[in-house]
Amino acid sequence: MHYRGMRTSLPPIGSKWIERDNRKARTIEVIRYDTDKRRVRIHCIETETLSWAKPERFNGKSGGYMPVAAAKAKAAPRGARRTR
């Protein structure tokens, strides 16, 4: 739940995220913030489109975005070596 005046942390500019919705396979990059309207400007890497997202969506949960690094770690099979 989100209350008025409650602060939501913003994702770092330049960070890459994956859409958690299984119906869409897209990777986005955070471009900039609009603090007046509380929106995050995002760039879809696959379709080369710009759009806006609510900061609350950058939470790693269903219906939101997950950091690319976390998604890769989650997809790695158990016992597999991670490369740096």
N, C-alpha and C. Protein backbone atom coordinates (compact mmCIF):
# COMPACT_ATOMS: atom_id res chain seq x y z
N MET A 1 0.84 -1.17 0.00
CA MET A 1 0.00 0.00 0.00
C MET A 1 0.89 1.24 0.00
N HIS A 2 0.45 2.28 -0.67
CA HIS A 2 1.23 3.49 -0.79
C HIS A 2 0.44 4.66 -0.25
N TYR A 3 1.01 5.36 0.71
CA TYR A 3 0.34 6.50 1.31
C TYR A 3 0.95 7.80 0.82
N ARG A 4 0.16 8.84 0.78
CA ARG A 4 0.64 10.15 0.38
C ARG A 4 1.77 10.59 1.31
N GLY A 5 2.85 11.08 0.72
CA GLY A 5 3.98 11.52 1.50
C GLY A 5 5.00 10.41 1.76
N MET A 6 4.61 9.17 1.46
CA MET A 6 5.52 8.05 1.65
C MET A 6 6.54 8.03 0.53
N ARG A 7 7.79 7.95 0.88
CA ARG A 7 8.85 7.99 -0.12
C ARG A 7 9.10 6.60 -0.71
N THR A 8 9.28 6.57 -2.01
CA THR A 8 9.64 5.34 -2.71
C THR A 8 11.02 5.57 -3.29
N SER A 9 11.91 4.62 -3.11
CA SER A 9 13.25 4.80 -3.66
C SER A 9 13.21 4.69 -5.18
N LEU A 10 13.98 5.53 -5.82
CA LEU A 10 14.02 5.55 -7.27
C LEU A 10 15.14 4.64 -7.76
N PRO A 11 14.94 3.97 -8.88
CA PRO A 11 16.00 3.13 -9.43
C PRO A 11 17.13 4.01 -9.96
N PRO A 12 18.37 3.55 -9.90
CA PRO A 12 19.49 4.36 -10.39
C PRO A 12 19.38 4.63 -11.90
N ILE A 13 19.74 5.82 -12.31
CA ILE A 13 19.75 6.16 -13.73
C ILE A 13 20.81 5.30 -14.41
N GLY A 14 20.44 4.73 -15.56
CA GLY A 14 21.35 3.85 -16.30
C GLY A 14 21.19 2.38 -15.95
N SER A 15 20.41 2.08 -14.90
CA SER A 15 20.23 0.68 -14.51
C SER A 15 19.28 -0.01 -15.48
N LYS A 16 19.46 -1.32 -15.63
CA LYS A 16 18.64 -2.12 -16.56
C LYS A 16 17.77 -3.07 -15.76
N TRP A 17 16.52 -3.21 -16.23
CA TRP A 17 15.51 -3.99 -15.54
C TRP A 17 14.77 -4.87 -16.54
N ILE A 18 14.21 -5.98 -16.05
CA ILE A 18 13.43 -6.90 -16.88
C ILE A 18 11.97 -6.86 -16.41
N GLU A 19 11.06 -6.84 -17.36
CA GLU A 19 9.61 -6.88 -17.06
C GLU A 19 9.28 -8.22 -16.43
N ARG A 20 8.57 -8.23 -15.30
CA ARG A 20 8.21 -9.47 -14.62
C ARG A 20 6.98 -10.13 -15.24
N ASP A 21 6.21 -9.40 -16.02
CA ASP A 21 5.02 -9.95 -16.67
C ASP A 21 5.46 -10.95 -17.74
N ASN A 22 5.01 -12.19 -17.63
CA ASN A 22 5.44 -13.24 -18.57
C ASN A 22 4.88 -13.04 -19.98
N ARG A 23 3.87 -12.22 -20.12
CA ARG A 23 3.30 -11.99 -21.45
C ARG A 23 4.18 -11.11 -22.31
N LYS A 24 5.06 -10.35 -21.68
CA LYS A 24 5.96 -9.46 -22.40
C LYS A 24 7.39 -9.80 -22.05
N ALA A 25 8.24 -9.87 -23.05
CA ALA A 25 9.67 -10.07 -22.80
C ALA A 25 10.36 -8.77 -23.20
N ARG A 26 10.59 -7.92 -22.20
CA ARG A 26 11.27 -6.67 -22.52
C ARG A 26 12.25 -6.29 -21.43
N THR A 27 13.30 -5.63 -21.86
CA THR A 27 14.33 -5.12 -20.99
C THR A 27 14.29 -3.61 -21.11
N ILE A 28 14.32 -2.93 -19.97
CA ILE A 28 14.26 -1.47 -20.00
C ILE A 28 15.49 -0.89 -19.31
N GLU A 29 15.78 0.36 -19.65
CA GLU A 29 16.86 1.10 -19.02
C GLU A 29 16.27 2.39 -18.48
N VAL A 30 16.66 2.76 -17.26
CA VAL A 30 16.17 3.99 -16.64
C VAL A 30 16.95 5.17 -17.24
N ILE A 31 16.22 6.16 -17.75
CA ILE A 31 16.82 7.31 -18.43
C ILE A 31 16.89 8.54 -17.52
N ARG A 32 15.75 8.90 -16.91
CA ARG A 32 15.71 10.08 -16.05
C ARG A 32 14.47 10.04 -15.18
N TYR A 33 14.36 11.02 -14.27
CA TYR A 33 13.21 11.12 -13.37
C TYR A 33 12.43 12.39 -13.66
N ASP A 34 11.14 12.35 -13.39
CA ASP A 34 10.30 13.54 -13.35
C ASP A 34 9.71 13.57 -11.95
N THR A 35 10.37 14.29 -11.05
CA THR A 35 9.96 14.27 -9.64
C THR A 35 8.64 14.99 -9.42
N ASP A 36 8.29 15.96 -10.27
CA ASP A 36 7.01 16.66 -10.12
C ASP A 36 5.83 15.72 -10.34
N LYS A 37 5.92 14.87 -11.34
CA LYS A 37 4.83 13.94 -11.66
C LYS A 37 5.07 12.55 -11.08
N ARG A 38 6.18 12.37 -10.36
CA ARG A 38 6.56 11.08 -9.77
C ARG A 38 6.57 9.96 -10.80
N ARG A 39 7.33 10.15 -11.85
CA ARG A 39 7.46 9.16 -12.91
C ARG A 39 8.93 8.94 -13.23
N VAL A 40 9.21 7.77 -13.81
CA VAL A 40 10.56 7.42 -14.24
C VAL A 40 10.52 7.24 -15.75
N ARG A 41 11.41 7.91 -16.46
CA ARG A 41 11.49 7.78 -17.92
C ARG A 41 12.28 6.53 -18.23
N ILE A 42 11.69 5.63 -19.04
CA ILE A 42 12.35 4.37 -19.36
C ILE A 42 12.48 4.21 -20.87
N HIS A 43 13.51 3.45 -21.26
CA HIS A 43 13.78 3.15 -22.66
C HIS A 43 13.71 1.64 -22.83
N CYS A 44 12.82 1.16 -23.68
CA CYS A 44 12.72 -0.27 -23.97
C CYS A 44 13.80 -0.62 -24.98
N ILE A 45 14.70 -1.49 -24.61
CA ILE A 45 15.85 -1.82 -25.45
C ILE A 45 15.42 -2.59 -26.70
N GLU A 46 14.46 -3.51 -26.57
CA GLU A 46 14.04 -4.33 -27.71
C GLU A 46 13.31 -3.52 -28.78
N THR A 47 12.43 -2.62 -28.36
CA THR A 47 11.60 -1.89 -29.33
C THR A 47 12.08 -0.46 -29.59
N GLU A 48 13.10 -0.02 -28.85
CA GLU A 48 13.64 1.34 -29.01
C GLU A 48 12.59 2.41 -28.75
N THR A 49 11.68 2.19 -27.78
CA THR A 49 10.67 3.18 -27.46
C THR A 49 10.90 3.77 -26.08
N LEU A 50 10.46 5.02 -25.92
CA LEU A 50 10.53 5.69 -24.63
C LEU A 50 9.14 5.73 -24.02
N SER A 51 9.06 5.55 -22.72
CA SER A 51 7.77 5.65 -22.03
C SER A 51 8.04 6.02 -20.57
N TRP A 52 6.96 6.11 -19.80
CA TRP A 52 7.05 6.46 -18.39
C TRP A 52 6.59 5.30 -17.53
N ALA A 53 7.14 5.20 -16.32
CA ALA A 53 6.72 4.16 -15.37
C ALA A 53 6.62 4.77 -13.98
N LYS A 54 5.79 4.18 -13.15
CA LYS A 54 5.69 4.61 -11.75
C LYS A 54 6.88 4.03 -10.99
N PRO A 55 7.44 4.78 -10.05
CA PRO A 55 8.58 4.27 -9.27
C PRO A 55 8.24 2.99 -8.49
N GLU A 56 6.97 2.82 -8.13
CA GLU A 56 6.55 1.65 -7.36
C GLU A 56 6.74 0.34 -8.13
N ARG A 57 6.84 0.42 -9.45
CA ARG A 57 6.97 -0.81 -10.25
C ARG A 57 8.36 -1.42 -10.16
N PHE A 58 9.35 -0.66 -9.67
CA PHE A 58 10.72 -1.15 -9.58
C PHE A 58 10.94 -1.85 -8.24
N ASN A 59 10.20 -2.95 -8.04
CA ASN A 59 10.22 -3.65 -6.75
C ASN A 59 10.57 -5.13 -6.89
N GLY A 60 10.72 -5.63 -8.10
CA GLY A 60 11.06 -7.03 -8.30
C GLY A 60 9.88 -7.98 -8.17
N LYS A 61 8.69 -7.45 -7.92
CA LYS A 61 7.51 -8.29 -7.73
C LYS A 61 6.73 -8.43 -9.03
N SER A 62 5.75 -9.31 -9.02
CA SER A 62 4.88 -9.50 -10.17
C SER A 62 4.19 -8.19 -10.52
N GLY A 63 4.14 -7.88 -11.81
CA GLY A 63 3.55 -6.63 -12.24
C GLY A 63 4.54 -5.48 -12.23
N GLY A 64 5.78 -5.77 -11.92
CA GLY A 64 6.80 -4.74 -11.83
C GLY A 64 8.04 -5.11 -12.63
N TYR A 65 9.14 -4.52 -12.25
CA TYR A 65 10.42 -4.78 -12.91
C TYR A 65 11.41 -5.38 -11.93
N MET A 66 12.28 -6.25 -12.43
CA MET A 66 13.33 -6.90 -11.65
C MET A 66 14.68 -6.48 -12.22
N PRO A 67 15.67 -6.17 -11.37
CA PRO A 67 16.99 -5.83 -11.91
C PRO A 67 17.54 -6.97 -12.76
N VAL A 68 18.24 -6.63 -13.83
CA VAL A 68 18.77 -7.64 -14.75
C VAL A 68 19.71 -8.60 -14.01
N ALA A 69 20.57 -8.10 -13.13
CA ALA A 69 21.50 -8.95 -12.40
C ALA A 69 20.76 -9.98 -11.54
N ALA A 70 19.67 -9.57 -10.90
CA ALA A 70 18.89 -10.49 -10.07
C ALA A 70 18.19 -11.54 -10.94
N ALA A 71 17.74 -11.14 -12.11
CA ALA A 71 17.07 -12.08 -13.01
C ALA A 71 18.04 -13.13 -13.52
N LYS A 72 19.26 -12.72 -13.83
CA LYS A 72 20.27 -13.67 -14.31
C LYS A 72 20.65 -14.65 -13.21
N ALA A 73 20.79 -14.16 -11.97
CA ALA A 73 21.12 -15.04 -10.85
C ALA A 73 20.00 -16.03 -10.58
N LYS A 74 18.76 -15.57 -10.73
CA LYS A 74 17.61 -16.44 -10.50
C LYS A 74 17.50 -17.52 -11.57
N ALA A 75 17.90 -17.19 -12.80
CA ALA A 75 17.79 -18.13 -13.91
C ALA A 75 18.93 -19.16 -13.93
N ALA A 76 20.02 -18.89 -13.23
CA ALA A 76 21.16 -19.81 -13.21
C ALA A 76 20.78 -21.10 -12.50
N PRO A 77 21.11 -22.24 -13.09
CA PRO A 77 20.79 -23.52 -12.42
C PRO A 77 21.60 -23.69 -11.15
N ARG A 78 21.06 -24.45 -10.23
CA ARG A 78 21.74 -24.69 -8.95
C ARG A 78 23.09 -25.35 -9.20
N GLY A 79 24.08 -24.88 -8.48
CA GLY A 79 25.41 -25.46 -8.59
C GLY A 79 26.20 -24.93 -9.78
N ALA A 80 25.58 -24.12 -10.60
CA ALA A 80 26.27 -23.57 -11.77
C ALA A 80 27.22 -22.46 -11.30
N ARG A 81 28.33 -22.36 -11.97
CA ARG A 81 29.30 -21.31 -11.64
C ARG A 81 28.86 -19.99 -12.25
N ARG A 82 29.00 -18.95 -11.49
CA ARG A 82 28.69 -17.61 -12.00
C ARG A 82 29.96 -16.99 -12.54
N THR A 83 29.85 -16.37 -13.71
CA THR A 83 31.01 -15.69 -14.27
C THR A 83 30.89 -14.21 -13.96
N ARG A 84 32.02 -13.59 -13.85
CA ARG A 84 32.01 -12.16 -13.55
C ARG A 84 32.20 -11.33 -14.74
